N, C-alpha and C. Protein backbone atom coordinates (compact mmCIF):
# COMPACT_ATOMS: atom_id res chain seq x y z
N ARG A 1 25.44 -19.74 25.65
CA ARG A 1 24.88 -18.63 24.89
C ARG A 1 25.97 -17.61 24.62
N ASN A 2 25.97 -17.15 23.41
CA ASN A 2 26.90 -16.09 23.03
C ASN A 2 26.09 -14.84 22.72
N HIS A 3 26.44 -13.76 23.31
CA HIS A 3 25.76 -12.49 23.08
C HIS A 3 26.78 -11.47 22.59
N VAL A 4 26.35 -10.63 21.67
CA VAL A 4 27.18 -9.51 21.22
C VAL A 4 26.37 -8.25 21.41
N THR A 5 26.90 -7.30 22.13
CA THR A 5 26.24 -6.02 22.35
C THR A 5 27.18 -4.92 21.91
N GLU A 6 26.69 -4.04 21.03
CA GLU A 6 27.45 -2.87 20.61
C GLU A 6 26.74 -1.64 21.12
N THR A 7 27.46 -0.73 21.72
CA THR A 7 26.89 0.52 22.18
C THR A 7 27.77 1.66 21.71
N VAL A 8 27.18 2.60 20.99
CA VAL A 8 27.87 3.83 20.61
C VAL A 8 27.26 4.92 21.47
N LYS A 9 28.00 5.38 22.48
CA LYS A 9 27.44 6.36 23.42
C LYS A 9 27.36 7.74 22.81
N GLU A 10 28.27 8.05 21.92
CA GLU A 10 28.25 9.36 21.29
C GLU A 10 28.90 9.24 19.92
N GLY A 11 28.32 9.88 18.92
CA GLY A 11 28.88 9.82 17.58
C GLY A 11 28.03 8.95 16.66
N ASN A 12 28.60 8.57 15.55
CA ASN A 12 27.89 7.83 14.51
C ASN A 12 28.45 6.43 14.36
N HIS A 13 27.73 5.58 13.66
CA HIS A 13 28.17 4.22 13.36
C HIS A 13 28.00 4.01 11.86
N TYR A 14 29.09 3.79 11.15
CA TYR A 14 29.06 3.57 9.71
C TYR A 14 29.53 2.16 9.41
N PHE A 15 28.86 1.50 8.48
CA PHE A 15 29.22 0.15 8.07
C PHE A 15 29.22 0.14 6.55
N THR A 16 30.36 -0.10 5.92
CA THR A 16 30.48 -0.02 4.47
C THR A 16 31.04 -1.32 3.92
N ILE A 17 30.38 -1.86 2.90
CA ILE A 17 30.88 -3.02 2.17
C ILE A 17 31.24 -2.52 0.78
N LEU A 18 32.52 -2.49 0.45
CA LEU A 18 32.95 -1.95 -0.84
C LEU A 18 32.74 -2.96 -1.97
N THR A 19 32.98 -4.22 -1.72
CA THR A 19 32.77 -5.26 -2.72
C THR A 19 32.04 -6.42 -2.04
N GLY A 20 30.95 -6.87 -2.64
CA GLY A 20 30.19 -7.96 -2.05
C GLY A 20 28.82 -7.51 -1.60
N SER A 21 28.17 -8.32 -0.80
CA SER A 21 26.82 -8.03 -0.34
C SER A 21 26.70 -8.35 1.14
N GLN A 22 25.53 -8.10 1.71
CA GLN A 22 25.27 -8.40 3.11
C GLN A 22 24.04 -9.28 3.20
N GLU A 23 24.11 -10.29 4.01
CA GLU A 23 22.97 -11.16 4.26
C GLU A 23 22.87 -11.38 5.76
N ILE A 24 21.68 -11.18 6.29
CA ILE A 24 21.43 -11.37 7.72
C ILE A 24 20.34 -12.41 7.85
N GLU A 25 20.58 -13.43 8.63
CA GLU A 25 19.58 -14.47 8.87
C GLU A 25 19.34 -14.56 10.36
N ILE A 26 18.08 -14.43 10.76
CA ILE A 26 17.69 -14.45 12.16
C ILE A 26 16.69 -15.59 12.33
N GLU A 27 16.95 -16.49 13.22
CA GLU A 27 16.11 -17.68 13.39
C GLU A 27 14.85 -17.42 14.22
N THR A 28 14.81 -16.33 14.98
CA THR A 28 13.62 -16.03 15.79
C THR A 28 13.15 -14.62 15.49
N ASP A 29 12.76 -13.87 16.47
CA ASP A 29 12.18 -12.54 16.27
C ASP A 29 13.24 -11.45 16.11
N LYS A 30 12.81 -10.34 15.52
CA LYS A 30 13.66 -9.15 15.40
C LYS A 30 12.82 -7.95 15.79
N THR A 31 13.36 -7.09 16.62
CA THR A 31 12.69 -5.87 17.04
C THR A 31 13.62 -4.69 16.78
N GLN A 32 13.08 -3.65 16.16
CA GLN A 32 13.84 -2.41 15.96
C GLN A 32 13.09 -1.28 16.63
N THR A 33 13.79 -0.45 17.36
CA THR A 33 13.21 0.74 17.93
C THR A 33 14.05 1.92 17.46
N ILE A 34 13.41 2.85 16.78
CA ILE A 34 14.09 4.04 16.26
C ILE A 34 13.42 5.24 16.88
N ARG A 35 14.17 6.01 17.62
CA ARG A 35 13.61 7.18 18.30
C ARG A 35 13.91 8.45 17.52
N GLY A 36 13.64 8.42 16.27
CA GLY A 36 13.89 9.56 15.39
C GLY A 36 13.43 9.18 13.99
N LYS A 37 13.86 9.92 13.03
CA LYS A 37 13.48 9.72 11.63
C LYS A 37 14.21 8.50 11.06
N HIS A 38 13.53 7.73 10.21
CA HIS A 38 14.12 6.58 9.52
C HIS A 38 13.99 6.81 8.02
N THR A 39 15.11 6.85 7.33
CA THR A 39 15.12 7.10 5.89
C THR A 39 15.88 5.99 5.19
N LYS A 40 15.29 5.44 4.13
CA LYS A 40 15.96 4.45 3.30
C LYS A 40 16.06 4.99 1.88
N THR A 41 17.22 4.88 1.27
CA THR A 41 17.40 5.23 -0.13
C THR A 41 17.88 3.98 -0.85
N ILE A 42 17.12 3.55 -1.84
CA ILE A 42 17.42 2.31 -2.57
C ILE A 42 17.55 2.67 -4.04
N THR A 43 18.66 2.29 -4.67
CA THR A 43 18.85 2.63 -6.08
C THR A 43 18.38 1.51 -7.02
N GLY A 44 17.94 0.39 -6.49
CA GLY A 44 17.39 -0.71 -7.29
C GLY A 44 15.97 -1.01 -6.83
N ASN A 45 15.54 -2.24 -7.02
CA ASN A 45 14.20 -2.66 -6.59
C ASN A 45 14.20 -3.00 -5.10
N ASP A 46 13.01 -3.02 -4.50
CA ASP A 46 12.83 -3.41 -3.11
C ASP A 46 11.65 -4.38 -3.05
N ALA A 47 11.82 -5.51 -2.39
CA ALA A 47 10.75 -6.50 -2.29
C ALA A 47 10.68 -7.03 -0.87
N THR A 48 9.45 -7.20 -0.37
CA THR A 48 9.22 -7.82 0.93
C THR A 48 8.27 -8.99 0.70
N THR A 49 8.66 -10.17 1.15
CA THR A 49 7.83 -11.36 1.02
C THR A 49 7.57 -11.92 2.41
N ILE A 50 6.31 -12.10 2.75
CA ILE A 50 5.93 -12.70 4.02
C ILE A 50 5.35 -14.07 3.68
N GLU A 51 6.08 -15.12 4.03
CA GLU A 51 5.68 -16.46 3.62
C GLU A 51 4.53 -17.01 4.47
N GLN A 52 4.45 -16.62 5.73
CA GLN A 52 3.35 -17.04 6.60
C GLN A 52 2.98 -15.86 7.47
N GLY A 53 1.71 -15.68 7.73
CA GLY A 53 1.28 -14.61 8.63
C GLY A 53 0.77 -13.40 7.87
N ASP A 54 0.59 -12.33 8.59
CA ASP A 54 0.02 -11.10 8.06
C ASP A 54 1.04 -9.97 8.12
N MET A 55 0.71 -8.86 7.47
CA MET A 55 1.51 -7.65 7.55
C MET A 55 0.58 -6.51 7.92
N THR A 56 0.99 -5.72 8.89
CA THR A 56 0.21 -4.58 9.33
C THR A 56 1.08 -3.34 9.24
N ILE A 57 0.54 -2.29 8.63
CA ILE A 57 1.21 -1.00 8.59
C ILE A 57 0.29 -0.03 9.29
N GLY A 58 0.79 0.64 10.31
CA GLY A 58 -0.05 1.57 11.06
C GLY A 58 0.69 2.86 11.35
N VAL A 59 -0.05 3.93 11.37
CA VAL A 59 0.48 5.25 11.74
C VAL A 59 -0.42 5.76 12.86
N ASP A 60 0.15 5.94 14.05
CA ASP A 60 -0.65 6.36 15.20
C ASP A 60 -1.21 7.77 15.04
N SER A 61 -0.45 8.66 14.47
CA SER A 61 -0.95 10.01 14.18
C SER A 61 -0.26 10.48 12.92
N GLY A 62 -1.03 11.00 12.00
CA GLY A 62 -0.45 11.44 10.74
C GLY A 62 -1.10 10.74 9.57
N MET A 63 -0.34 10.50 8.52
CA MET A 63 -0.89 9.96 7.28
C MET A 63 0.09 8.99 6.65
N ILE A 64 -0.38 8.23 5.68
CA ILE A 64 0.46 7.38 4.85
C ILE A 64 0.31 7.86 3.42
N GLU A 65 1.41 8.10 2.76
CA GLU A 65 1.39 8.52 1.36
C GLU A 65 2.23 7.54 0.56
N ILE A 66 1.63 6.99 -0.49
CA ILE A 66 2.32 6.09 -1.40
C ILE A 66 2.31 6.77 -2.76
N GLU A 67 3.47 6.93 -3.35
CA GLU A 67 3.56 7.67 -4.61
C GLU A 67 4.39 6.87 -5.61
N ALA A 68 3.92 6.83 -6.86
CA ALA A 68 4.65 6.15 -7.92
C ALA A 68 4.45 6.91 -9.22
N LEU A 69 5.43 6.86 -10.09
CA LEU A 69 5.36 7.57 -11.37
C LEU A 69 4.43 6.87 -12.36
N GLN A 70 4.44 5.52 -12.40
CA GLN A 70 3.66 4.79 -13.40
C GLN A 70 2.33 4.27 -12.88
N SER A 71 2.33 3.51 -11.78
CA SER A 71 1.07 2.97 -11.28
C SER A 71 1.24 2.42 -9.86
N ILE A 72 0.10 2.30 -9.18
CA ILE A 72 0.01 1.63 -7.88
C ILE A 72 -1.14 0.64 -8.01
N GLU A 73 -0.90 -0.61 -7.63
CA GLU A 73 -1.94 -1.63 -7.77
C GLU A 73 -2.09 -2.40 -6.47
N LEU A 74 -3.34 -2.55 -6.03
CA LEU A 74 -3.69 -3.36 -4.88
C LEU A 74 -4.41 -4.60 -5.40
N LYS A 75 -4.02 -5.79 -4.94
CA LYS A 75 -4.64 -7.03 -5.41
C LYS A 75 -5.02 -7.91 -4.23
N VAL A 76 -6.21 -8.48 -4.30
CA VAL A 76 -6.67 -9.50 -3.37
C VAL A 76 -7.39 -10.55 -4.21
N GLY A 77 -6.82 -11.74 -4.32
CA GLY A 77 -7.42 -12.76 -5.19
C GLY A 77 -7.50 -12.25 -6.62
N THR A 78 -8.71 -12.26 -7.19
CA THR A 78 -8.88 -11.76 -8.56
C THR A 78 -9.33 -10.30 -8.59
N SER A 79 -9.53 -9.69 -7.43
CA SER A 79 -9.96 -8.28 -7.37
C SER A 79 -8.74 -7.37 -7.36
N SER A 80 -8.88 -6.19 -7.98
CA SER A 80 -7.76 -5.25 -8.00
C SER A 80 -8.24 -3.82 -8.14
N ILE A 81 -7.42 -2.91 -7.64
CA ILE A 81 -7.59 -1.48 -7.84
C ILE A 81 -6.26 -0.99 -8.39
N LYS A 82 -6.29 -0.40 -9.57
CA LYS A 82 -5.07 0.08 -10.21
C LYS A 82 -5.18 1.58 -10.43
N LEU A 83 -4.22 2.32 -9.89
CA LEU A 83 -4.17 3.77 -10.06
C LEU A 83 -3.06 4.09 -11.05
N GLU A 84 -3.41 4.79 -12.12
CA GLU A 84 -2.46 5.23 -13.12
C GLU A 84 -2.62 6.74 -13.29
N PRO A 85 -1.66 7.42 -13.91
CA PRO A 85 -1.77 8.87 -14.03
C PRO A 85 -3.07 9.35 -14.70
N ALA A 86 -3.60 8.61 -15.68
CA ALA A 86 -4.78 9.08 -16.42
C ALA A 86 -6.07 8.34 -16.06
N GLN A 87 -6.00 7.27 -15.24
CA GLN A 87 -7.22 6.54 -14.92
C GLN A 87 -7.06 5.70 -13.67
N ILE A 88 -8.20 5.34 -13.08
CA ILE A 88 -8.27 4.42 -11.96
C ILE A 88 -9.18 3.28 -12.38
N THR A 89 -8.70 2.04 -12.27
CA THR A 89 -9.47 0.87 -12.68
C THR A 89 -9.76 0.01 -11.46
N ILE A 90 -11.04 -0.28 -11.23
CA ILE A 90 -11.47 -1.17 -10.15
C ILE A 90 -12.06 -2.40 -10.82
N SER A 91 -11.53 -3.57 -10.48
CA SER A 91 -11.96 -4.80 -11.14
C SER A 91 -12.25 -5.87 -10.09
N SER A 92 -13.45 -6.48 -10.19
CA SER A 92 -13.82 -7.55 -9.27
C SER A 92 -15.07 -8.24 -9.80
N VAL A 93 -15.40 -9.38 -9.23
CA VAL A 93 -16.65 -10.06 -9.56
C VAL A 93 -17.82 -9.19 -9.13
N LEU A 94 -17.71 -8.54 -7.98
CA LEU A 94 -18.76 -7.66 -7.46
C LEU A 94 -18.09 -6.41 -6.90
N VAL A 95 -18.58 -5.24 -7.31
CA VAL A 95 -18.07 -3.96 -6.80
C VAL A 95 -19.23 -3.25 -6.13
N LYS A 96 -19.07 -2.90 -4.86
CA LYS A 96 -20.11 -2.18 -4.11
C LYS A 96 -19.59 -0.80 -3.75
N VAL A 97 -20.43 0.20 -3.94
CA VAL A 97 -20.13 1.56 -3.50
C VAL A 97 -21.24 1.94 -2.53
N THR A 98 -20.90 2.26 -1.30
CA THR A 98 -21.88 2.55 -0.27
C THR A 98 -21.50 3.83 0.45
N ALA A 99 -22.48 4.69 0.67
CA ALA A 99 -22.26 5.91 1.46
C ALA A 99 -23.42 6.06 2.43
N ASP A 100 -23.16 6.56 3.62
CA ASP A 100 -24.22 6.76 4.61
C ASP A 100 -25.13 7.92 4.22
N ALA A 101 -24.59 8.94 3.54
CA ALA A 101 -25.40 10.11 3.21
C ALA A 101 -25.61 10.26 1.71
N MET A 102 -24.54 10.28 0.90
CA MET A 102 -24.70 10.59 -0.52
C MET A 102 -23.53 10.03 -1.32
N VAL A 103 -23.82 9.57 -2.53
CA VAL A 103 -22.79 9.18 -3.49
C VAL A 103 -22.88 10.17 -4.63
N ASP A 104 -21.77 10.79 -4.97
CA ASP A 104 -21.73 11.81 -6.02
C ASP A 104 -20.78 11.32 -7.11
N ILE A 105 -21.30 11.12 -8.31
CA ILE A 105 -20.50 10.70 -9.45
C ILE A 105 -20.61 11.80 -10.50
N LYS A 106 -19.48 12.33 -10.92
CA LYS A 106 -19.50 13.46 -11.85
C LYS A 106 -18.37 13.30 -12.85
N GLY A 107 -18.64 13.60 -14.10
CA GLY A 107 -17.62 13.55 -15.12
C GLY A 107 -18.06 14.30 -16.35
N GLY A 108 -17.12 14.69 -17.18
CA GLY A 108 -17.44 15.36 -18.43
C GLY A 108 -18.30 14.48 -19.31
N LEU A 109 -18.03 13.19 -19.31
CA LEU A 109 -18.81 12.19 -20.03
C LEU A 109 -19.00 11.02 -19.08
N THR A 110 -20.24 10.59 -18.88
CA THR A 110 -20.52 9.49 -17.95
C THR A 110 -21.34 8.44 -18.67
N ASN A 111 -20.88 7.20 -18.64
CA ASN A 111 -21.59 6.08 -19.25
C ASN A 111 -22.01 5.09 -18.17
N VAL A 112 -23.26 4.61 -18.25
CA VAL A 112 -23.74 3.53 -17.40
C VAL A 112 -24.19 2.43 -18.34
N LYS A 113 -23.59 1.24 -18.23
CA LYS A 113 -23.88 0.16 -19.17
C LYS A 113 -23.98 -1.15 -18.41
N ALA A 114 -24.98 -1.95 -18.76
CA ALA A 114 -25.13 -3.29 -18.19
C ALA A 114 -25.34 -4.27 -19.34
N ASP A 115 -24.64 -5.38 -19.31
CA ASP A 115 -24.85 -6.42 -20.31
C ASP A 115 -26.11 -7.23 -20.00
N GLY A 116 -26.60 -7.11 -18.77
CA GLY A 116 -27.84 -7.78 -18.37
C GLY A 116 -28.86 -6.73 -17.95
N ILE A 117 -29.53 -6.97 -16.85
CA ILE A 117 -30.58 -6.07 -16.37
C ILE A 117 -29.95 -4.89 -15.66
N LEU A 118 -30.43 -3.68 -15.96
CA LEU A 118 -30.01 -2.46 -15.27
C LEU A 118 -31.19 -2.01 -14.42
N THR A 119 -30.99 -1.95 -13.12
CA THR A 119 -32.04 -1.52 -12.20
C THR A 119 -31.67 -0.16 -11.65
N LEU A 120 -32.57 0.80 -11.80
CA LEU A 120 -32.41 2.14 -11.26
C LEU A 120 -33.56 2.34 -10.30
N ASN A 121 -33.26 2.51 -9.01
CA ASN A 121 -34.30 2.50 -8.00
C ASN A 121 -34.06 3.64 -7.02
N GLY A 122 -35.11 4.38 -6.69
CA GLY A 122 -35.01 5.44 -5.70
C GLY A 122 -36.39 5.93 -5.32
N THR A 123 -36.51 6.58 -4.17
CA THR A 123 -37.80 7.14 -3.77
C THR A 123 -38.28 8.11 -4.83
N LEU A 124 -37.38 8.93 -5.31
CA LEU A 124 -37.66 9.84 -6.42
C LEU A 124 -36.50 9.67 -7.40
N THR A 125 -36.80 9.36 -8.65
CA THR A 125 -35.76 9.16 -9.65
C THR A 125 -35.91 10.22 -10.72
N LYS A 126 -34.86 11.03 -10.92
CA LYS A 126 -34.86 12.07 -11.94
C LYS A 126 -33.93 11.66 -13.06
N ILE A 127 -34.40 11.78 -14.29
CA ILE A 127 -33.56 11.55 -15.46
C ILE A 127 -33.69 12.79 -16.32
N ASN A 128 -32.58 13.47 -16.54
CA ASN A 128 -32.62 14.74 -17.27
C ASN A 128 -31.81 14.61 -18.52
């Protein structure tokens, strides 16, 4: 077995490739522990592909914010949610909206349309 251990007890560690690229291939597991802030700046595209297994993103305390100038899209099979600056589109074979207490839908102009049967059901139904 060959092991390589690098320890920087004090100071910084800089690694610069002036011409060329870097490729790292690991045949088993990889673990990173960062005891401070982690910042990545990428001037091109970034892609992550998981060929087998799942991906979990978790924040123990705090929030997750995803921001994009043009759009953010979530896809599962043929279902999708697309967020754009002027609209949000939800597309699926079946869309369910459920609330334990109340669902509030409000807009300057609101359209309800069904190509088939439209069922409106409630203990008390008001149409104004």
